Amino acid sequence: MKYSTATILLAYFGLTSAVPYQKREVPQEHSHQAVLDQVAVSLKLDNPDKIQDSVFGLLGDTAAAKGAGNIKNLDCLQRAIADQAFTNEKKAGNVDGMANALIFAALEKNTGAVGKASNTCNDKAVNPEIDAI
């Protein structure tokens, strides 16, 4: 009995240490893929600023600049995307689309450092619902 317990423990520790190390999902922005997809659809209804994709609003400034279109203040890219998506869905009368735009506006932006707060956007949104977030 003593040997079987030791054998089982040895086998357990051998197997658990042999499991490959799994890195965290990068980029984390895709953990919100359902919201990103819905906001991207909303943004395509009317995209006067030519923003490439909704995911750029959640990226750090260096990466966001590549898809920001006509938006120059990268601190406000996320708000601009949410605001345009909300405007488009409000015009279409789509409550689910408006809700997704609000959720997108509330998502945490990637700052490149754990615990670092993102810069505040001081630009006013067209929709007061987006400004409230």
Protein backbone atom coordinates (compact mmCIF):
# COMPACT_ATOMS: atom_id res chain seq x y z
CA MET A 1 0.00 0.00 0.00
CA LYS A 2 2.86 2.39 0.83
CA TYR A 3 4.46 1.78 -2.55
CA SER A 4 1.28 2.29 -4.53
CA THR A 5 0.67 5.71 -2.92
CA ALA A 6 4.23 6.76 -3.65
CA THR A 7 3.92 5.52 -7.23
CA ILE A 8 0.68 7.40 -7.76
CA LEU A 9 2.16 10.62 -6.35
CA LEU A 10 5.28 10.24 -8.47
CA ALA A 11 3.17 9.66 -11.58
CA TYR A 12 0.93 12.65 -10.75
CA PHE A 13 3.82 15.07 -10.29
CA GLY A 14 5.55 13.71 -13.37
CA LEU A 15 2.47 14.25 -15.51
CA THR A 16 1.61 17.69 -14.16
CA SER A 17 5.13 18.97 -14.70
CA ALA A 18 5.11 17.59 -18.26
CA VAL A 19 2.09 19.69 -19.30
CA PRO A 20 3.24 22.38 -21.74
CA TYR A 21 3.24 25.95 -20.48
CA GLN A 22 0.36 27.90 -22.01
CA LYS A 23 0.81 31.60 -22.59
CA ARG A 24 -2.10 33.94 -22.02
CA GLU A 25 -4.17 34.88 -25.01
CA VAL A 26 -2.59 37.79 -26.83
CA PRO A 27 -4.05 40.18 -27.63
CA GLN A 28 -6.56 40.33 -24.82
CA GLU A 29 -8.73 42.68 -26.88
CA HIS A 30 -10.21 39.60 -28.53
CA SER A 31 -11.74 38.44 -25.25
CA HIS A 32 -14.50 40.91 -26.15
CA GLN A 33 -14.84 39.62 -29.71
CA ALA A 34 -18.66 39.52 -29.74
CA VAL A 35 -18.88 43.22 -28.83
CA LEU A 36 -16.06 44.10 -31.25
CA ASP A 37 -17.85 42.30 -34.08
CA GLN A 38 -21.16 44.06 -33.42
CA VAL A 39 -19.52 47.48 -33.16
CA ALA A 40 -17.60 46.81 -36.39
CA VAL A 41 -20.89 46.07 -38.16
CA SER A 42 -22.41 49.27 -36.70
CA LEU A 43 -19.38 51.31 -37.73
CA LYS A 44 -19.62 50.07 -41.33
CA LEU A 45 -23.13 51.57 -41.65
CA ASP A 46 -21.53 55.02 -41.79
CA ASN A 47 -17.81 55.54 -41.17
CA PRO A 48 -16.91 59.12 -42.13
CA ASP A 49 -13.58 58.94 -40.25
CA LYS A 50 -12.50 55.83 -42.19
CA ILE A 51 -11.58 53.86 -39.05
CA GLN A 52 -10.36 50.43 -40.17
CA ASP A 53 -11.82 48.29 -37.38
CA SER A 54 -13.28 48.60 -33.90
CA VAL A 55 -10.36 46.69 -32.33
CA PHE A 56 -8.05 49.67 -32.94
CA GLY A 57 -9.96 51.59 -30.27
CA LEU A 58 -8.77 49.17 -27.61
CA LEU A 59 -5.11 49.04 -28.65
CA GLY A 60 -2.21 51.13 -27.40
CA ASP A 61 -1.40 54.30 -29.32
CA THR A 62 1.32 52.83 -31.56
CA ALA A 63 -0.91 50.04 -32.84
CA ALA A 64 -4.07 52.19 -32.84
CA ALA A 65 -2.47 54.77 -35.13
CA LYS A 66 -2.37 52.19 -37.94
CA GLY A 67 -6.17 51.89 -38.05
CA ALA A 68 -7.38 55.22 -36.67
CA GLY A 69 -8.35 56.69 -40.03
CA ASN A 70 -8.95 60.43 -39.70
CA ILE A 71 -8.92 60.42 -35.87
CA LYS A 72 -5.83 62.30 -34.68
CA ASN A 73 -6.40 62.20 -30.90
CA LEU A 74 -5.70 58.52 -30.20
CA ASP A 75 -6.80 58.94 -26.59
CA CYS A 76 -10.30 59.48 -28.01
CA LEU A 77 -10.32 56.78 -30.69
CA GLN A 78 -12.34 54.35 -28.57
CA ARG A 79 -14.90 57.05 -27.77
CA ALA A 80 -15.09 58.12 -31.43
CA ILE A 81 -15.76 54.54 -32.53
CA ALA A 82 -18.40 54.01 -29.84
CA ASP A 83 -20.01 57.36 -30.62
CA GLN A 84 -20.22 56.72 -34.37
CA ALA A 85 -21.53 53.18 -33.83
CA PHE A 86 -24.13 54.50 -31.38
CA THR A 87 -25.16 57.24 -33.83
CA ASN A 88 -25.56 54.72 -36.65
CA GLU A 89 -27.63 52.33 -34.53
CA LYS A 90 -29.73 55.15 -33.09
CA LYS A 91 -30.57 56.23 -36.64
CA ALA A 92 -31.49 52.59 -37.46
CA GLY A 93 -33.52 52.20 -34.25
CA ASN A 94 -31.44 49.19 -33.17
CA VAL A 95 -31.39 49.02 -29.37
CA ASP A 96 -29.04 46.01 -29.30
CA GLY A 97 -26.55 47.89 -31.46
CA MET A 98 -26.75 50.93 -29.19
CA ALA A 99 -26.16 48.69 -26.16
CA ASN A 100 -23.08 47.15 -27.80
CA ALA A 101 -21.71 50.63 -28.53
CA LEU A 102 -22.15 51.54 -24.86
CA ILE A 103 -20.44 48.32 -23.75
CA PHE A 104 -17.59 49.03 -26.17
CA ALA A 105 -17.19 52.53 -24.74
CA ALA A 106 -16.87 51.03 -21.25
CA LEU A 107 -14.22 48.43 -22.13
CA GLU A 108 -10.74 48.89 -20.72
CA LYS A 109 -8.20 50.07 -23.27
CA ASN A 110 -4.79 48.39 -23.51
CA THR A 111 -2.16 50.61 -21.88
CA GLY A 112 0.85 48.35 -22.27
CA ALA A 113 1.45 48.09 -18.52
CA VAL A 114 -0.44 46.22 -15.83
CA GLY A 115 -2.41 48.60 -13.63
CA LYS A 116 -1.63 51.70 -15.70
CA ALA A 117 -4.69 53.84 -16.32
CA SER A 118 -5.38 54.92 -19.88
CA ASN A 119 -5.28 58.61 -20.76
CA THR A 120 -8.56 60.47 -20.41
CA CYS A 121 -10.35 61.60 -23.54
CA ASN A 122 -11.48 65.20 -23.17
CA ASP A 123 -13.29 65.45 -26.52
CA LYS A 124 -17.06 65.68 -26.29
CA ALA A 125 -19.07 62.88 -27.87
CA VAL A 126 -22.05 63.61 -30.11
CA ASN A 127 -24.25 61.34 -28.01
CA PRO A 128 -24.68 62.16 -24.30
CA GLU A 129 -25.08 58.42 -23.60
CA ILE A 130 -21.46 57.86 -24.69
CA ASP A 131 -20.24 60.90 -22.74
CA ALA A 132 -21.86 59.49 -19.59
CA ILE A 133 -19.48 56.52 -19.61
